[in-house]
Every structure is written in C-alpha cells, then in structure tokens.
Amino acid sequence: MRKIKALAAVLFCTSLLFGCGKNKDNDNNSQTQQTVAEVSTEEPKTTGSTGADDVPREAIDYSDTDEIFLGEWVDVSDGVSTLTITEDSPQTGGYFLEFTIYRTISGAANVNRDGDGLSVNQGFFDDNPSATVYTDNHSRFYGTLKKTDNGISFTITESESELVPAGTVYEYTRKSE
C-alpha cells in the first residue's frame, strides 16, 4: 500500500511539473524548455588553483598593503639576502612571497592581509632540492610581516626547519634600483 501511495505522489508531482492535462499552457511549456536549453549551454565558471570560482584582485581592496609591502627587499644584516612580494590571487591570500637567505635557505609562501601587516598562510622552505613535488620533503613555515621605521620585518612564527627556527626575525629595506 505504501508503494502505491508513493507512486501516486510521484505521478502527481510529475504531472504538475510537466503540465499534463493542461492544454492552455503549451506556449509556457515551450518557453520553459527554451530556458532549460539556454542554461545547459552556458559555459562553466573558470576555477582557480583551489577549485573555487576565480575572484578578481581588486586594487582598491589591497591598495594600503600594496603600497607598503609589494616589491623587492634586501636584508639589512648582510645586504645580499632578498625578499620579493608580488600580487597573487585572492584565493590564495592576495600576495606571494619568495625569499633567499644567503648561503642558508630559500622559500616561498602564500600570504594574507592581516590587520596592518601580512601573514603567511602556507609557506615552504626549499631545503630539499631533490624533491620532485614542491610540497614533498620541504619544511613548512608560517610567519608575519610588519611595517617598521626603515622597511619591513619578517618573523618566522612556526617552522619545521632546523636552519630557520621559529622566532627568527629578518629586517628588510626596499631594494635600490
């Protein structure tokens, strides 16, 4: 008996959906079919590296932090180690950071705005050049970047690398051209 009631409910809903028994709505039914055809031919949205829909990087949203952080920087202690911060997709934080500590290590990270500074949301030290995939056998790190009187500071807050332990602070000035 339950199966008969369920089948009757399905048939009733189907008749409502497809307009069975209604002669006056033939034009409406063809309009519905046209709308379905239009939707089905729509191009799928492009997705970014995270699988989420692409979101444009609006300059107005990043203008304050862009002015402070974007560009090339040189470590004040050795004058050779470098840090480069570039624009990136908002899906990964809005900024990308690459750095080299002279004769020690290099790394890269996705970076988010964090108040008046920046925060590393996913970073990897390049301490195993023989790895075939960048994230394999590379030490992870997290950190913060803050504006200082003479440039910016980069503090490693968490680190899996023995070469650059948590708490290490680097001071940078803007690279001269």
Protein backbone atom coordinates (compact mmCIF):
# COMPACT_ATOMS: atom_id res chain seq x y z
CA MET A 1 0.00 0.00 0.00
CA ARG A 2 2.89 2.40 0.80
CA LYS A 3 4.40 1.76 -2.62
CA ILE A 4 1.12 2.65 -4.33
CA LYS A 5 0.84 5.91 -2.35
CA ALA A 6 4.46 6.80 -3.13
CA LEU A 7 3.95 6.04 -6.82
CA ALA A 8 0.78 8.13 -6.88
CA ALA A 9 2.66 11.04 -5.27
CA VAL A 10 5.46 10.78 -7.84
CA LEU A 11 2.96 10.70 -10.72
CA PHE A 12 1.08 13.68 -9.30
CA CYS A 13 4.30 15.74 -8.93
CA THR A 14 5.40 14.75 -12.42
CA SER A 15 2.08 15.81 -13.90
CA LEU A 16 2.39 19.18 -12.18
CA LEU A 17 5.98 19.61 -13.32
CA PHE A 18 5.30 18.76 -16.97
CA GLY A 19 1.79 20.24 -17.11
CA CYS A 20 -0.01 17.03 -18.05
CA GLY A 21 -3.70 17.60 -18.66
CA LYS A 22 -3.25 21.32 -19.35
CA ASN A 23 -3.84 22.39 -22.90
CA LYS A 24 -3.69 26.14 -22.40
CA ASP A 25 -0.05 26.24 -21.26
CA ASN A 26 1.66 24.78 -24.34
CA ASP A 27 3.36 28.13 -25.00
CA ASN A 28 4.55 28.28 -21.37
CA ASN A 29 5.91 24.72 -21.61
CA SER A 30 7.94 25.54 -24.75
CA GLN A 31 9.27 28.65 -23.02
CA THR A 32 10.40 26.50 -20.07
CA GLN A 33 12.15 24.09 -22.45
CA GLN A 34 13.91 27.01 -24.15
CA THR A 35 15.13 28.34 -20.77
CA VAL A 36 16.47 24.90 -19.82
CA ALA A 37 18.30 24.68 -23.15
CA GLU A 38 19.83 28.13 -22.61
CA VAL A 39 21.09 27.20 -19.15
CA SER A 40 22.57 23.91 -20.29
CA THR A 41 24.70 25.58 -22.99
CA GLU A 42 26.21 28.09 -20.54
CA GLU A 43 29.99 27.81 -20.19
CA PRO A 44 31.14 26.54 -16.79
CA LYS A 45 32.82 29.07 -14.50
CA THR A 46 36.59 29.08 -14.51
CA THR A 47 38.04 27.82 -11.28
CA GLY A 48 41.28 28.84 -9.66
CA SER A 49 44.05 26.71 -8.22
CA THR A 50 41.95 25.99 -5.12
CA GLY A 51 38.95 24.83 -7.14
CA ALA A 52 36.90 27.85 -6.08
CA ASP A 53 35.50 30.36 -8.55
CA ASP A 54 38.03 32.91 -9.77
CA VAL A 55 37.76 36.20 -7.93
CA PRO A 56 39.41 39.30 -9.40
CA ARG A 57 42.02 41.02 -7.24
CA GLU A 58 40.52 44.47 -6.70
CA ALA A 59 43.26 47.09 -6.35
CA ILE A 60 41.11 49.20 -4.04
CA ASP A 61 40.91 46.31 -1.54
CA TYR A 62 44.70 45.94 -1.41
CA SER A 63 45.96 49.48 -2.00
CA ASP A 64 47.12 50.17 1.58
CA THR A 65 49.09 46.94 1.94
CA ASP A 66 50.31 47.02 -1.69
CA GLU A 67 51.95 50.38 -1.10
CA ILE A 68 53.77 49.11 1.97
CA PHE A 69 54.75 45.55 1.05
CA LEU A 70 54.89 44.98 -2.74
CA GLY A 71 58.35 44.94 -4.24
CA GLU A 72 61.88 43.71 -3.73
CA TRP A 73 63.61 43.89 -0.37
CA VAL A 74 67.17 43.36 0.89
CA ASP A 75 68.17 42.05 4.33
CA VAL A 76 69.82 44.82 6.37
CA SER A 77 72.22 42.45 8.14
CA ASP A 78 74.01 41.05 5.06
CA GLY A 79 72.86 43.20 2.10
CA VAL A 80 72.58 40.04 -0.04
CA SER A 81 69.57 38.05 1.19
CA THR A 82 66.41 39.04 -0.65
CA LEU A 83 62.65 39.03 -0.20
CA THR A 84 60.18 39.64 -3.05
CA ILE A 85 56.46 40.21 -2.51
CA THR A 86 54.16 40.15 -5.54
CA GLU A 87 50.42 40.28 -6.21
CA ASP A 88 48.60 36.95 -6.24
CA SER A 89 45.06 35.64 -6.44
CA PRO A 90 42.74 36.49 -3.54
CA GLN A 91 42.01 32.74 -3.38
CA THR A 92 45.50 32.15 -2.02
CA GLY A 93 45.69 35.28 0.11
CA GLY A 94 46.37 38.09 -2.34
CA TYR A 95 50.17 38.03 -2.10
CA PHE A 96 53.04 35.69 -2.95
CA LEU A 97 56.39 35.85 -1.17
CA GLU A 98 59.75 34.46 -2.28
CA PHE A 99 62.95 34.83 -0.31
CA THR A 100 66.55 33.68 -0.13
CA ILE A 101 68.68 33.74 3.00
CA TYR A 102 72.27 33.93 1.75
CA ARG A 103 74.03 30.54 1.95
CA THR A 104 71.27 29.13 4.17
CA ILE A 105 67.87 28.52 2.62
CA SER A 106 65.19 29.82 0.28
CA GLY A 107 61.43 29.61 0.38
CA ALA A 108 58.08 30.67 -0.96
CA ALA A 109 54.68 31.32 0.59
CA ASN A 110 51.11 32.42 0.06
CA VAL A 111 50.39 35.48 2.17
CA ASN A 112 47.18 37.12 3.52
CA ARG A 113 46.49 40.63 4.71
CA ASP A 114 46.33 40.62 8.50
CA GLY A 115 45.36 43.94 10.03
CA ASP A 116 48.11 46.40 9.08
CA GLY A 117 50.54 43.60 8.22
CA LEU A 118 50.72 40.35 6.31
CA SER A 119 50.52 36.75 7.49
CA VAL A 120 51.99 33.65 5.84
CA ASN A 121 49.16 31.14 5.40
CA GLN A 122 51.23 28.44 3.70
CA GLY A 123 54.98 28.52 3.27
CA PHE A 124 57.64 26.02 2.29
CA PHE A 125 61.41 26.20 2.70
CA ASP A 126 63.31 24.84 -0.29
CA ASP A 127 65.57 22.72 1.89
CA ASN A 128 65.39 19.56 -0.25
CA PRO A 129 66.22 20.43 -3.88
CA SER A 130 65.95 16.75 -4.92
CA ALA A 131 62.22 16.55 -4.11
CA THR A 132 60.05 16.01 -7.18
CA VAL A 133 56.98 17.81 -5.85
CA TYR A 134 57.45 21.18 -4.17
CA THR A 135 55.49 20.25 -1.06
CA ASP A 136 57.16 16.83 -0.68
CA ASN A 137 60.00 16.78 1.82
CA HIS A 138 60.05 20.53 2.18
CA SER A 139 59.80 22.14 5.57
CA ARG A 140 56.67 24.17 6.22
CA PHE A 141 56.69 27.55 7.89
CA TYR A 142 54.35 30.32 8.97
CA GLY A 143 55.20 33.92 9.71
CA THR A 144 54.23 37.56 9.82
CA LEU A 145 55.38 40.69 8.01
CA LYS A 146 55.10 44.10 9.64
CA LYS A 147 55.99 47.62 8.59
CA THR A 148 58.95 49.12 10.50
CA ASP A 149 60.51 52.59 10.56
CA ASN A 150 63.13 51.56 7.99
CA GLY A 151 61.26 48.93 5.93
CA ILE A 152 59.61 45.67 6.94
CA SER A 153 60.29 42.81 9.34
CA PHE A 154 59.67 39.14 8.57
CA THR A 155 59.19 36.94 11.64
CA ILE A 156 59.08 33.15 11.36
CA THR A 157 56.37 32.14 13.86
CA GLU A 158 56.35 28.37 13.18
CA SER A 159 58.99 26.32 11.38
CA GLU A 160 59.81 22.70 10.60
CA SER A 161 63.33 23.64 9.51
CA GLU A 162 66.31 23.42 11.83
CA LEU A 163 68.06 26.06 9.71
CA VAL A 164 65.41 28.72 10.41
CA PRO A 165 63.75 28.10 13.79
CA ALA A 166 60.55 29.75 14.99
CA GLY A 167 61.24 33.20 16.41
CA THR A 168 63.81 34.13 13.75
CA VAL A 169 63.35 37.76 12.63
CA TYR A 170 64.69 39.30 9.43
CA GLU A 171 64.75 43.05 8.80
CA TYR A 172 64.49 44.34 5.23
CA THR A 173 64.82 47.64 3.42
CA ARG A 174 63.46 48.35 -0.03
CA LYS A 175 65.91 47.28 -2.75
CA SER A 176 67.57 50.18 -4.61
CA GLU A 177 67.20 50.13 -8.36
